[in-house]
Amino acid sequence: MNKENISPRTARDALIIELLGDVGSIHDEIKELPNLLKVSLSESLKMIASAVEEAEKTAEKLKEETQAVLVASSQAQLHQVQENIGKLVKSSIDTAVEKSLSGAKAEIQTLEDRIDSATAGIKKHNPAIMNYVLAIMMTAMIVTMLFSTIYLWGKFMKPERPLDTRSVI
């Protein structure tokens, strides 16, 4: 029988027919639901995939930026550490040199004191007298060397035996 030809006999039949028609419509919509879900889900999945891809790009960009910041920070820290080490080494060397110089200064002062005490006797005498004594000694040495040279020159010029001219060539 044809649905259009069936006419309801009672109000109840009419309600049942209408209800069956509504159930059929719902059934058709339920059958169409997977297709609608596919379309809407595929669009949602595409949006999710593009969002995930965008998130990955952003994460990669953040990773690169973070690495650049970390490299710059580590280089700055390294430079700061090098400066601090340089300052510490300089202060350590300055301290060591200062101690060494103060020790050397003390030794020099001790040596100066010894020299002063050793030369105290010489300083007591008149330096002019010492200069005269040295001048007299130098004069005596020069005179002695002069007479020795003259004596040796005389010995060489007057040999005790004649020279053989044949042997000298």
Protein backbone atom coordinates (compact mmCIF):
# COMPACT_ATOMS: atom_id res chain seq x y z
CA MET A 1 0.00 0.00 0.00
CA ASN A 2 0.93 3.52 -0.61
CA LYS A 3 1.52 5.87 2.30
CA GLU A 4 -0.21 8.73 0.62
CA ASN A 5 -3.35 6.70 0.01
CA ILE A 6 -3.74 5.64 3.62
CA SER A 7 -6.09 7.86 5.39
CA PRO A 8 -6.44 7.65 9.07
CA ARG A 9 -9.61 6.32 10.44
CA THR A 10 -9.32 7.79 13.85
CA ALA A 11 -7.44 10.59 15.46
CA ARG A 12 -5.25 8.06 17.09
CA ASP A 13 -4.33 6.57 13.72
CA ALA A 14 -3.54 10.07 12.47
CA LEU A 15 -1.26 10.68 15.41
CA ILE A 16 0.46 7.32 14.91
CA ILE A 17 0.95 8.04 11.20
CA GLU A 18 2.33 11.48 12.02
CA LEU A 19 4.55 9.96 14.69
CA LEU A 20 5.79 7.32 12.27
CA GLY A 21 6.52 10.05 9.74
CA ASP A 22 8.49 11.98 12.37
CA VAL A 23 10.36 8.79 13.37
CA GLY A 24 11.17 8.24 9.69
CA SER A 25 12.48 11.80 9.40
CA ILE A 26 14.58 11.28 12.54
CA HIS A 27 15.79 7.98 11.10
CA ASP A 28 16.80 9.72 7.86
CA GLU A 29 18.59 12.45 9.80
CA ILE A 30 20.37 9.83 11.92
CA LYS A 31 21.48 8.05 8.73
CA GLU A 32 22.73 11.40 7.37
CA LEU A 33 24.49 12.20 10.64
CA PRO A 34 27.67 10.21 9.85
CA ASN A 35 28.09 12.15 6.60
CA LEU A 36 27.51 15.44 8.41
CA LEU A 37 29.91 14.36 11.13
CA LYS A 38 32.50 13.43 8.50
CA VAL A 39 32.25 16.85 6.90
CA SER A 40 32.26 18.76 10.15
CA LEU A 41 34.91 16.51 11.70
CA SER A 42 37.13 16.73 8.65
CA GLU A 43 36.96 20.53 8.85
CA SER A 44 37.60 20.36 12.59
CA LEU A 45 40.48 17.94 12.05
CA LYS A 46 41.92 20.24 9.41
CA MET A 47 41.66 23.15 11.80
CA ILE A 48 43.21 21.06 14.59
CA ALA A 49 46.00 19.90 12.25
CA SER A 50 46.74 23.46 11.15
CA ALA A 51 46.66 24.59 14.80
CA VAL A 52 49.04 21.77 15.75
CA GLU A 53 51.33 22.69 12.86
CA GLU A 54 51.24 26.33 13.90
CA ALA A 55 51.96 25.30 17.50
CA GLU A 56 54.93 23.21 16.33
CA LYS A 57 56.28 26.16 14.32
CA THR A 58 55.83 28.43 17.31
CA ALA A 59 57.49 25.88 19.59
CA GLU A 60 60.44 25.57 17.16
CA LYS A 61 60.73 29.35 16.95
CA LEU A 62 60.62 29.62 20.74
CA LYS A 63 63.23 26.86 20.97
CA GLU A 64 65.56 28.72 18.59
CA GLU A 65 65.02 32.02 20.39
CA THR A 66 65.60 30.35 23.75
CA GLN A 67 68.80 28.75 22.47
CA ALA A 68 69.99 32.12 21.15
CA VAL A 69 69.20 33.75 24.48
CA LEU A 70 70.95 30.94 26.35
CA VAL A 71 74.04 31.22 24.13
CA ALA A 72 74.15 34.98 24.58
CA SER A 73 73.62 34.60 28.32
CA SER A 74 76.32 31.95 28.62
CA GLN A 75 78.74 34.10 26.64
CA ALA A 76 77.97 37.07 28.87
CA GLN A 77 78.46 34.89 31.95
CA LEU A 78 81.72 33.54 30.51
CA HIS A 79 82.95 37.07 29.81
CA GLN A 80 82.00 38.12 33.34
CA VAL A 81 83.78 35.09 34.82
CA GLN A 82 86.88 35.84 32.73
CA GLU A 83 86.87 39.43 33.97
CA ASN A 84 86.47 38.26 37.56
CA ILE A 85 89.29 35.75 37.17
CA GLY A 86 91.47 38.47 35.63
CA LYS A 87 90.73 40.78 38.56
CA LEU A 88 91.45 38.01 41.07
CA VAL A 89 94.71 37.08 39.35
CA LYS A 90 95.75 40.74 39.21
CA SER A 91 94.97 41.28 42.88
CA SER A 92 96.78 38.05 43.77
CA ILE A 93 99.83 39.09 41.76
CA ASP A 94 99.69 42.60 43.24
CA THR A 95 99.57 41.13 46.74
CA ALA A 96 102.47 38.77 46.02
CA VAL A 97 104.54 41.55 44.44
CA GLU A 98 103.74 43.86 47.32
CA LYS A 99 104.87 41.23 49.84
CA SER A 100 108.00 40.54 47.80
CA LEU A 101 108.81 44.25 47.49
CA SER A 102 108.27 44.84 51.18
CA GLY A 103 110.60 41.90 51.93
CA ALA A 104 113.16 43.24 49.47
CA LYS A 105 112.81 46.70 50.98
CA ALA A 106 113.52 45.26 54.42
CA GLU A 107 116.58 43.41 53.08
CA ILE A 108 117.83 46.56 51.34
CA GLN A 109 117.39 48.52 54.54
CA THR A 110 119.34 45.82 56.42
CA LEU A 111 122.14 45.94 53.83
CA GLU A 112 122.22 49.75 53.97
CA ASP A 113 122.48 49.58 57.74
CA ARG A 114 125.36 47.09 57.46
CA ILE A 115 127.14 49.24 54.88
CA ASP A 116 126.64 52.32 57.04
CA SER A 117 128.03 50.51 60.08
CA ALA A 118 130.96 49.12 58.05
CA THR A 119 131.82 52.49 56.53
CA ALA A 120 131.21 54.45 59.71
CA GLY A 121 134.93 54.28 60.57
CA ILE A 122 135.92 55.56 57.14
CA LYS A 123 133.43 58.38 57.25
CA LYS A 124 134.85 59.53 60.56
CA HIS A 125 138.18 60.35 58.94
CA ASN A 126 138.61 63.24 56.61
CA PRO A 127 137.99 62.06 53.01
CA ALA A 128 140.57 64.54 51.73
CA ILE A 129 143.30 62.67 53.61
CA MET A 130 142.21 59.42 51.99
CA ASN A 131 142.35 61.09 48.58
CA TYR A 132 145.92 62.32 49.28
CA VAL A 133 146.99 58.83 50.35
CA LEU A 134 145.52 57.33 47.17
CA ALA A 135 147.21 60.01 45.02
CA ILE A 136 150.61 59.33 46.62
CA MET A 137 150.18 55.58 46.09
CA MET A 138 149.25 56.11 42.43
CA THR A 139 152.24 58.39 41.92
CA ALA A 140 154.58 55.81 43.47
CA MET A 141 153.17 53.10 41.20
CA ILE A 142 153.58 55.27 38.09
CA VAL A 143 157.19 56.14 38.99
CA THR A 144 157.96 52.46 39.65
CA MET A 145 156.47 51.45 36.32
CA LEU A 146 158.45 54.21 34.54
CA PHE A 147 161.80 53.10 36.00
CA SER A 148 160.96 49.45 35.25
CA THR A 149 160.20 50.30 31.65
CA ILE A 150 163.43 52.28 31.24
CA TYR A 151 165.44 49.44 32.79
CA LEU A 152 163.86 46.85 30.50
CA TRP A 153 164.38 49.10 27.45
CA GLY A 154 168.06 49.48 28.30
CA LYS A 155 168.45 45.74 28.68
CA PHE A 156 166.85 45.10 25.35
CA MET A 157 168.87 47.70 23.46
CA LYS A 158 172.28 46.55 24.82
CA PRO A 159 172.40 42.80 24.47
CA GLU A 160 175.26 40.96 26.17
CA ARG A 161 176.11 38.97 23.04
CA PRO A 162 175.97 40.00 19.43
CA LEU A 163 172.97 39.13 17.35
CA ASP A 164 173.34 36.62 14.54
CA THR A 165 171.93 38.38 11.50
CA ARG A 166 171.63 35.16 9.53
CA SER A 167 169.09 33.69 11.89
CA VAL A 168 166.88 36.77 11.72
CA ILE A 169 165.00 36.88 8.48
